[in-house]
Amino acid sequence: MNNTVYVLVSFESFTTKSGKSFSIEPQGVYYDLDQALNYADELDKLTPKKKHYDVVYDVLEFNVGKEPQLLDFMKKAKKYQEDNTTAILIELMKEGLVDQLIGEDGNFYYHLTKEGEVVAKNIPKKIRDMFKKQDED
């Protein structure tokens, strides 16, 4: 049995008084890619074009019962981030800017050394503010 299905979706964007809005709606599910693409073409031809409203049709491939592609991507992104964070912390420790501590809970904690505090104070305010904003998000 074929475990691959093709989901025909509509991506809609429209402008309202409160700004730009988006929606994604499934329109159909098919085992045959050509059939899904043909329906997408037909829908596209019959959809009226409007100034503040746009619709695009697309076909997405899914494997039934398999791990979502996004999950694999997110796992790799997390590992990449963890590996880079570790490499950066090791480099900062080698340079004497950061010290590593082990807390009573067994977790690792990091703090700036006196030299690290001097370097941090010399970072321009605009850049420091950018990092504060990222931490808040």
C-alpha atoms as a PDB file:
ATOM      1  CA  MET A   1       0.000   0.000   0.000  1.00  0.00           C
ATOM      2  CA  ASN A   2       1.204   3.505  -0.862  1.00  0.00           C
ATOM      3  CA  ASN A   3       1.797   5.520   2.334  1.00  0.00           C
ATOM      4  CA  THR A   4       2.387   8.794   0.464  1.00  0.00           C
ATOM      5  CA  VAL A   5      -0.475  11.271   0.236  1.00  0.00           C
ATOM      6  CA  TYR A   6      -0.633  14.705  -1.339  1.00  0.00           C
ATOM      7  CA  VAL A   7      -2.524  17.436   0.448  1.00  0.00           C
ATOM      8  CA  LEU A   8      -3.875  20.267  -1.675  1.00  0.00           C
ATOM      9  CA  VAL A   9      -3.832  23.462   0.400  1.00  0.00           C
ATOM     10  CA  SER A  10      -4.766  27.066  -0.151  1.00  0.00           C
ATOM     11  CA  PHE A  11      -2.544  29.796   1.266  1.00  0.00           C
ATOM     12  CA  GLU A  12      -4.614  32.920   1.696  1.00  0.00           C
ATOM     13  CA  SER A  13      -3.324  36.371   2.562  1.00  0.00           C
ATOM     14  CA  PHE A  14      -5.495  39.395   3.005  1.00  0.00           C
ATOM     15  CA  THR A  15      -5.197  42.898   4.325  1.00  0.00           C
ATOM     16  CA  THR A  16      -7.567  44.175   6.983  1.00  0.00           C
ATOM     17  CA  LYS A  17      -7.686  47.360   9.052  1.00  0.00           C
ATOM     18  CA  SER A  18      -5.598  45.594  11.702  1.00  0.00           C
ATOM     19  CA  GLY A  19      -2.927  44.493   9.221  1.00  0.00           C
ATOM     20  CA  LYS A  20      -1.956  41.515   7.093  1.00  0.00           C
ATOM     21  CA  SER A  21      -3.497  38.123   7.896  1.00  0.00           C
ATOM     22  CA  PHE A  22      -2.735  34.640   6.614  1.00  0.00           C
ATOM     23  CA  SER A  23      -4.463  31.291   6.625  1.00  0.00           C
ATOM     24  CA  ILE A  24      -3.706  27.831   5.331  1.00  0.00           C
ATOM     25  CA  GLU A  25      -6.629  25.555   4.560  1.00  0.00           C
ATOM     26  CA  PRO A  26      -6.577  21.960   3.341  1.00  0.00           C
ATOM     27  CA  GLN A  27      -8.692  21.512   0.220  1.00  0.00           C
ATOM     28  CA  GLY A  28      -8.220  17.817  -0.515  1.00  0.00           C
ATOM     29  CA  VAL A  29      -6.060  14.733   0.019  1.00  0.00           C
ATOM     30  CA  TYR A  30      -4.930  12.494  -2.857  1.00  0.00           C
ATOM     31  CA  TYR A  31      -2.786   9.439  -3.511  1.00  0.00           C
ATOM     32  CA  ASP A  32      -1.962  10.708  -7.016  1.00  0.00           C
ATOM     33  CA  LEU A  33       0.334  13.739  -7.313  1.00  0.00           C
ATOM     34  CA  ASP A  34      -0.813  14.605 -10.842  1.00  0.00           C
ATOM     35  CA  GLN A  35      -4.444  14.630  -9.739  1.00  0.00           C
ATOM     36  CA  ALA A  36      -3.637  16.979  -6.840  1.00  0.00           C
ATOM     37  CA  LEU A  37      -1.635  19.299  -9.127  1.00  0.00           C
ATOM     38  CA  ASN A  38      -4.433  19.357 -11.712  1.00  0.00           C
ATOM     39  CA  TYR A  39      -6.963  20.359  -9.054  1.00  0.00           C
ATOM     40  CA  ALA A  40      -4.578  23.068  -7.827  1.00  0.00           C
ATOM     41  CA  ASP A  41      -4.333  24.444 -11.396  1.00  0.00           C
ATOM     42  CA  GLU A  42      -8.127  24.386 -11.818  1.00  0.00           C
ATOM     43  CA  LEU A  43      -8.663  26.165  -8.506  1.00  0.00           C
ATOM     44  CA  ASP A  44      -6.044  28.771  -9.395  1.00  0.00           C
ATOM     45  CA  LYS A  45      -7.723  29.524 -12.729  1.00  0.00           C
ATOM     46  CA  LEU A  46     -11.161  29.896 -11.120  1.00  0.00           C
ATOM     47  CA  THR A  47     -10.097  31.980  -8.118  1.00  0.00           C
ATOM     48  CA  PRO A  48     -10.940  35.655  -8.649  1.00  0.00           C
ATOM     49  CA  LYS A  49      -8.014  38.059  -8.324  1.00  0.00           C
ATOM     50  CA  LYS A  50      -8.621  40.792  -5.759  1.00  0.00           C
ATOM     51  CA  LYS A  51      -6.481  43.737  -4.685  1.00  0.00           C
ATOM     52  CA  HIS A  52      -6.375  43.060  -0.923  1.00  0.00           C
ATOM     53  CA  TYR A  53      -6.815  39.276  -1.066  1.00  0.00           C
ATOM     54  CA  ASP A  54      -4.481  36.702  -2.556  1.00  0.00           C
ATOM     55  CA  VAL A  55      -4.773  32.909  -2.772  1.00  0.00           C
ATOM     56  CA  VAL A  56      -2.063  30.479  -3.812  1.00  0.00           C
ATOM     57  CA  TYR A  57      -2.632  26.739  -4.131  1.00  0.00           C
ATOM     58  CA  ASP A  58       0.065  24.208  -3.411  1.00  0.00           C
ATOM     59  CA  VAL A  59       0.442  20.475  -2.962  1.00  0.00           C
ATOM     60  CA  LEU A  60       2.298  19.144   0.068  1.00  0.00           C
ATOM     61  CA  GLU A  61       3.639  15.591   0.294  1.00  0.00           C
ATOM     62  CA  PHE A  62       3.160  13.580   3.476  1.00  0.00           C
ATOM     63  CA  ASN A  63       4.113  10.038   4.410  1.00  0.00           C
ATOM     64  CA  VAL A  64       1.362   8.509   6.537  1.00  0.00           C
ATOM     65  CA  GLY A  65       2.591   7.230   9.893  1.00  0.00           C
ATOM     66  CA  LYS A  66       6.085   8.679   9.469  1.00  0.00           C
ATOM     67  CA  GLU A  67       7.826  11.264  11.622  1.00  0.00           C
ATOM     68  CA  PRO A  68       6.946  14.786  10.431  1.00  0.00           C
ATOM     69  CA  GLN A  69       9.695  16.433   8.383  1.00  0.00           C
ATOM     70  CA  LEU A  70       9.484  19.497  10.619  1.00  0.00           C
ATOM     71  CA  LEU A  71      10.312  17.398  13.685  1.00  0.00           C
ATOM     72  CA  ASP A  72      13.515  16.115  12.078  1.00  0.00           C
ATOM     73  CA  PHE A  73      14.445  19.669  11.059  1.00  0.00           C
ATOM     74  CA  MET A  74      13.778  20.967  14.575  1.00  0.00           C
ATOM     75  CA  LYS A  75      15.854  18.181  16.171  1.00  0.00           C
ATOM     76  CA  LYS A  76      18.794  18.985  13.883  1.00  0.00           C
ATOM     77  CA  ALA A  77      18.439  22.725  14.546  1.00  0.00           C
ATOM     78  CA  LYS A  78      18.421  22.137  18.315  1.00  0.00           C
ATOM     79  CA  LYS A  79      21.512  19.912  18.128  1.00  0.00           C
ATOM     80  CA  TYR A  80      23.278  22.474  15.940  1.00  0.00           C
ATOM     81  CA  GLN A  81      22.435  25.220  18.440  1.00  0.00           C
ATOM     82  CA  GLU A  82      23.609  23.120  21.393  1.00  0.00           C
ATOM     83  CA  ASP A  83      26.867  22.194  19.633  1.00  0.00           C
ATOM     84  CA  ASN A  84      27.566  25.826  18.730  1.00  0.00           C
ATOM     85  CA  THR A  85      26.727  27.049  22.230  1.00  0.00           C
ATOM     86  CA  THR A  86      29.115  24.487  23.698  1.00  0.00           C
ATOM     87  CA  ALA A  87      31.886  25.449  21.265  1.00  0.00           C
ATOM     88  CA  ILE A  88      31.415  29.153  22.019  1.00  0.00           C
ATOM     89  CA  LEU A  89      31.433  28.576  25.792  1.00  0.00           C
ATOM     90  CA  ILE A  90      34.622  26.492  25.538  1.00  0.00           C
ATOM     91  CA  GLU A  91      36.281  29.251  23.507  1.00  0.00           C
ATOM     92  CA  LEU A  92      35.180  31.924  26.014  1.00  0.00           C
ATOM     93  CA  MET A  93      36.570  29.813  28.877  1.00  0.00           C
ATOM     94  CA  LYS A  94      39.892  29.366  27.017  1.00  0.00           C
ATOM     95  CA  GLU A  95      40.075  33.149  26.594  1.00  0.00           C
ATOM     96  CA  GLY A  96      39.418  33.618  30.324  1.00  0.00           C
ATOM     97  CA  LEU A  97      36.189  35.542  29.813  1.00  0.00           C
ATOM     98  CA  VAL A  98      33.815  32.965  31.329  1.00  0.00           C
ATOM     99  CA  ASP A  99      34.053  30.527  34.237  1.00  0.00           C
ATOM    100  CA  GLN A 100      32.050  27.327  34.549  1.00  0.00           C
ATOM    101  CA  LEU A 101      30.449  26.299  37.825  1.00  0.00           C
ATOM    102  CA  ILE A 102      28.522  23.201  38.828  1.00  0.00           C
ATOM    103  CA  GLY A 103      25.470  24.024  40.904  1.00  0.00           C
ATOM    104  CA  GLU A 104      24.108  22.043  43.826  1.00  0.00           C
ATOM    105  CA  ASP A 105      21.512  20.691  41.393  1.00  0.00           C
ATOM    106  CA  GLY A 106      24.289  19.202  39.230  1.00  0.00           C
ATOM    107  CA  ASN A 107      23.709  21.616  36.334  1.00  0.00           C
ATOM    108  CA  PHE A 108      26.434  23.700  34.741  1.00  0.00           C
ATOM    109  CA  TYR A 109      26.324  27.455  35.214  1.00  0.00           C
ATOM    110  CA  TYR A 110      28.491  30.119  33.625  1.00  0.00           C
ATOM    111  CA  HIS A 111      29.467  33.579  34.784  1.00  0.00           C
ATOM    112  CA  LEU A 112      31.699  36.306  33.448  1.00  0.00           C
ATOM    113  CA  THR A 113      35.178  36.638  34.897  1.00  0.00           C
ATOM    114  CA  LYS A 114      36.489  40.115  35.792  1.00  0.00           C
ATOM    115  CA  GLU A 115      38.110  40.236  32.350  1.00  0.00           C
ATOM    116  CA  GLY A 116      34.802  39.129  30.787  1.00  0.00           C
ATOM    117  CA  GLU A 117      32.962  41.934  32.605  1.00  0.00           C
ATOM    118  CA  VAL A 118      35.432  44.483  31.182  1.00  0.00           C
ATOM    119  CA  VAL A 119      34.880  43.141  27.663  1.00  0.00           C
ATOM    120  CA  ALA A 120      31.087  43.127  28.174  1.00  0.00           C
ATOM    121  CA  LYS A 121      31.120  46.772  29.293  1.00  0.00           C
ATOM    122  CA  ASN A 122      32.930  47.721  26.069  1.00  0.00           C
ATOM    123  CA  ILE A 123      30.205  46.214  23.872  1.00  0.00           C
ATOM    124  CA  PRO A 124      28.245  49.077  22.287  1.00  0.00           C
ATOM    125  CA  LYS A 125      24.866  49.754  23.917  1.00  0.00           C
ATOM    126  CA  LYS A 126      22.930  49.080  20.695  1.00  0.00           C
ATOM    127  CA  ILE A 127      24.345  45.563  20.487  1.00  0.00           C
ATOM    128  CA  ARG A 128      23.711  44.871  24.207  1.00  0.00           C
ATOM    129  CA  ASP A 129      20.115  46.065  23.738  1.00  0.00           C
ATOM    130  CA  MET A 130      19.659  43.667  20.791  1.00  0.00           C
ATOM    131  CA  PHE A 131      20.610  40.722  22.998  1.00  0.00           C
ATOM    132  CA  LYS A 132      18.260  41.911  25.749  1.00  0.00           C
ATOM    133  CA  LYS A 133      15.401  42.017  23.210  1.00  0.00           C
ATOM    134  CA  GLN A 134      16.189  38.473  22.034  1.00  0.00           C
ATOM    135  CA  ASP A 135      16.184  37.225  25.634  1.00  0.00           C
ATOM    136  CA  GLU A 136      12.761  38.804  26.195  1.00  0.00           C
ATOM    137  CA  ASP A 137      11.324  37.063  23.128  1.00  0.00           C
END
